[in-house]
C-alpha atoms as a PDB file:
ATOM      1  CA  MET A   1       0.000   0.000   0.000  1.00  0.00           C
ATOM      2  CA  VAL A   2       1.276   3.460  -0.913  1.00  0.00           C
ATOM      3  CA  ASP A   3       1.073   6.234   1.662  1.00  0.00           C
ATOM      4  CA  THR A   4      -0.140   9.701   0.740  1.00  0.00           C
ATOM      5  CA  GLU A   5       0.992  13.205   1.526  1.00  0.00           C
ATOM      6  CA  THR A   6      -1.226  16.257   1.729  1.00  0.00           C
ATOM      7  CA  TYR A   7      -0.663  19.676   0.211  1.00  0.00           C
ATOM      8  CA  THR A   8      -2.861  22.623   1.167  1.00  0.00           C
ATOM      9  CA  ILE A   9      -3.926  25.430  -1.154  1.00  0.00           C
ATOM     10  CA  GLU A  10      -5.242  28.652   0.358  1.00  0.00           C
ATOM     11  CA  ALA A  11      -7.372  31.102  -1.629  1.00  0.00           C
ATOM     12  CA  PRO A  12      -7.209  34.879  -1.168  1.00  0.00           C
ATOM     13  CA  ASN A  13     -10.528  34.721   0.718  1.00  0.00           C
ATOM     14  CA  GLY A  14      -9.109  32.193   3.195  1.00  0.00           C
ATOM     15  CA  ASP A  15     -10.800  29.080   1.787  1.00  0.00           C
ATOM     16  CA  THR A  16      -8.520  26.077   1.767  1.00  0.00           C
ATOM     17  CA  GLU A  17      -8.405  22.849  -0.181  1.00  0.00           C
ATOM     18  CA  GLU A  18      -6.319  19.843   0.734  1.00  0.00           C
ATOM     19  CA  ILE A  19      -4.935  17.692  -2.058  1.00  0.00           C
ATOM     20  CA  GLU A  20      -3.609  14.231  -1.418  1.00  0.00           C
ATOM     21  CA  LEU A  21      -0.916  12.798  -3.643  1.00  0.00           C
ATOM     22  CA  PRO A  22       0.879   9.477  -3.433  1.00  0.00           C
ATOM     23  CA  ALA A  23       3.869   9.975  -1.134  1.00  0.00           C
ATOM     24  CA  GLY A  24       6.998  10.495  -3.198  1.00  0.00           C
ATOM     25  CA  LEU A  25       5.242  11.350  -6.462  1.00  0.00           C
ATOM     26  CA  ALA A  26       6.140  15.053  -6.297  1.00  0.00           C
ATOM     27  CA  ASP A  27       9.755  14.020  -5.599  1.00  0.00           C
ATOM     28  CA  VAL A  28       9.858  12.337  -9.012  1.00  0.00           C
ATOM     29  CA  PHE A  29       9.536  15.759 -10.654  1.00  0.00           C
ATOM     30  CA  THR A  30      11.947  17.756  -8.480  1.00  0.00           C
ATOM     31  CA  GLU A  31      15.347  18.943  -9.546  1.00  0.00           C
ATOM     32  CA  GLN A  32      18.267  19.154  -7.156  1.00  0.00           C
ATOM     33  CA  GLY A  33      17.542  21.677  -4.407  1.00  0.00           C
ATOM     34  CA  GLU A  34      13.921  22.149  -5.425  1.00  0.00           C
ATOM     35  CA  SER A  35      11.133  21.602  -2.929  1.00  0.00           C
ATOM     36  CA  THR A  36       8.183  19.344  -3.583  1.00  0.00           C
ATOM     37  CA  THR A  37       5.919  22.284  -2.777  1.00  0.00           C
ATOM     38  CA  ALA A  38       7.478  24.250  -5.659  1.00  0.00           C
ATOM     39  CA  VAL A  39       6.865  21.295  -7.974  1.00  0.00           C
ATOM     40  CA  VAL A  40       3.210  21.071  -6.952  1.00  0.00           C
ATOM     41  CA  GLY A  41       2.926  24.828  -7.595  1.00  0.00           C
ATOM     42  CA  ASP A  42       4.621  24.440 -10.982  1.00  0.00           C
ATOM     43  CA  LEU A  43       2.155  21.754 -11.989  1.00  0.00           C
ATOM     44  CA  LEU A  44      -0.803  23.906 -10.935  1.00  0.00           C
ATOM     45  CA  VAL A  45       0.488  26.850 -12.979  1.00  0.00           C
ATOM     46  CA  GLN A  46       1.138  24.567 -15.943  1.00  0.00           C
ATOM     47  CA  SER A  47      -2.313  23.023 -15.720  1.00  0.00           C
ATOM     48  CA  PHE A  48      -4.138  26.354 -15.499  1.00  0.00           C
ATOM     49  CA  ALA A  49      -2.104  27.739 -18.406  1.00  0.00           C
ATOM     50  CA  GLN A  50      -2.907  24.738 -20.592  1.00  0.00           C
ATOM     51  CA  GLN A  51      -6.595  24.780 -19.682  1.00  0.00           C
ATOM     52  CA  ALA A  52      -6.937  28.528 -20.289  1.00  0.00           C
ATOM     53  CA  HIS A  53      -5.153  28.140 -23.620  1.00  0.00           C
ATOM     54  CA  ALA A  54      -7.508  25.334 -24.640  1.00  0.00           C
ATOM     55  CA  VAL A  55     -10.629  27.321 -23.732  1.00  0.00           C
ATOM     56  CA  VAL A  56      -9.502  30.432 -25.604  1.00  0.00           C
ATOM     57  CA  HIS A  57      -7.835  28.893 -28.651  1.00  0.00           C
ATOM     58  CA  HIS A  58      -9.427  25.494 -29.164  1.00  0.00           C
ATOM     59  CA  SER A  59     -13.097  25.945 -28.255  1.00  0.00           C
ATOM     60  CA  GLN A  60     -15.786  26.500 -30.813  1.00  0.00           C
ATOM     61  CA  GLY A  61     -17.517  29.823 -30.997  1.00  0.00           C
ATOM     62  CA  GLU A  62     -16.416  33.289 -30.025  1.00  0.00           C
ATOM     63  CA  THR A  63     -14.336  33.673 -26.886  1.00  0.00           C
ATOM     64  CA  PRO A  64     -15.457  36.395 -24.463  1.00  0.00           C
ATOM     65  CA  ALA A  65     -12.928  39.213 -24.039  1.00  0.00           C
ATOM     66  CA  ASP A  66     -12.599  38.576 -20.315  1.00  0.00           C
ATOM     67  CA  LEU A  67     -11.440  35.003 -20.983  1.00  0.00           C
ATOM     68  CA  GLU A  68      -8.926  36.245 -23.520  1.00  0.00           C
ATOM     69  CA  ALA A  69      -7.586  38.688 -20.925  1.00  0.00           C
ATOM     70  CA  LEU A  70      -7.381  35.962 -18.274  1.00  0.00           C
ATOM     71  CA  ASN A  71      -5.532  33.708 -20.704  1.00  0.00           C
ATOM     72  CA  GLY A  72      -3.127  36.508 -21.597  1.00  0.00           C
ATOM     73  CA  LYS A  73      -2.321  37.110 -17.938  1.00  0.00           C
ATOM     74  CA  MET A  74      -1.915  33.368 -17.331  1.00  0.00           C
ATOM     75  CA  GLU A  75       0.553  33.207 -20.211  1.00  0.00           C
ATOM     76  CA  GLU A  76       2.523  36.078 -18.630  1.00  0.00           C
ATOM     77  CA  LEU A  77       2.560  34.309 -15.246  1.00  0.00           C
ATOM     78  CA  PHE A  78       3.666  31.074 -16.908  1.00  0.00           C
ATOM     79  CA  GLU A  79       6.590  32.806 -18.611  1.00  0.00           C
ATOM     80  CA  GLU A  80       7.598  34.576 -15.387  1.00  0.00           C
ATOM     81  CA  ARG A  81       7.663  31.279 -13.511  1.00  0.00           C
ATOM     82  CA  PHE A  82       9.354  29.106 -16.117  1.00  0.00           C
ATOM     83  CA  GLY A  83      11.401  31.569 -18.176  1.00  0.00           C
ATOM     84  CA  VAL A  84       9.865  30.334 -21.413  1.00  0.00           C
ATOM     85  CA  SER A  85       6.661  31.306 -23.183  1.00  0.00           C
ATOM     86  CA  LEU A  86       3.703  28.944 -23.136  1.00  0.00           C
ATOM     87  CA  ASP A  87       3.867  28.823 -26.937  1.00  0.00           C
ATOM     88  CA  GLU A  88       7.476  27.610 -26.765  1.00  0.00           C
ATOM     89  CA  ALA A  89       6.694  25.105 -24.029  1.00  0.00           C
ATOM     90  CA  MET A  90       3.738  23.694 -25.970  1.00  0.00           C
ATOM     91  CA  GLY A  91       5.494  23.744 -29.318  1.00  0.00           C
ATOM     92  CA  HIS A  92       2.857  25.791 -31.113  1.00  0.00           C
ATOM     93  CA  SER A  93       1.446  29.284 -31.224  1.00  0.00           C
ATOM     94  CA  HIS A  94      -1.643  31.161 -32.343  1.00  0.00           C
END
């Protein structure tokens, strides 16, 4: 049986969500000197960036301007965190 470890996310309004992962899974993705918490954060940023990109660029119909703005900001935050644009990381652009 595999143990789990819990990470806690706190929203600006104080709400919290606990996420359980298999113990050691976050370690698989760490680089030397990097914390597992940073890796979990990286994966959250990556996931939100990919999902926002998909909604704005790969959905049918017209995209509301507010979603385009949110996606643009998410792309900026992605590049700040990883030092590479989302387009470069995904291997395509729009």
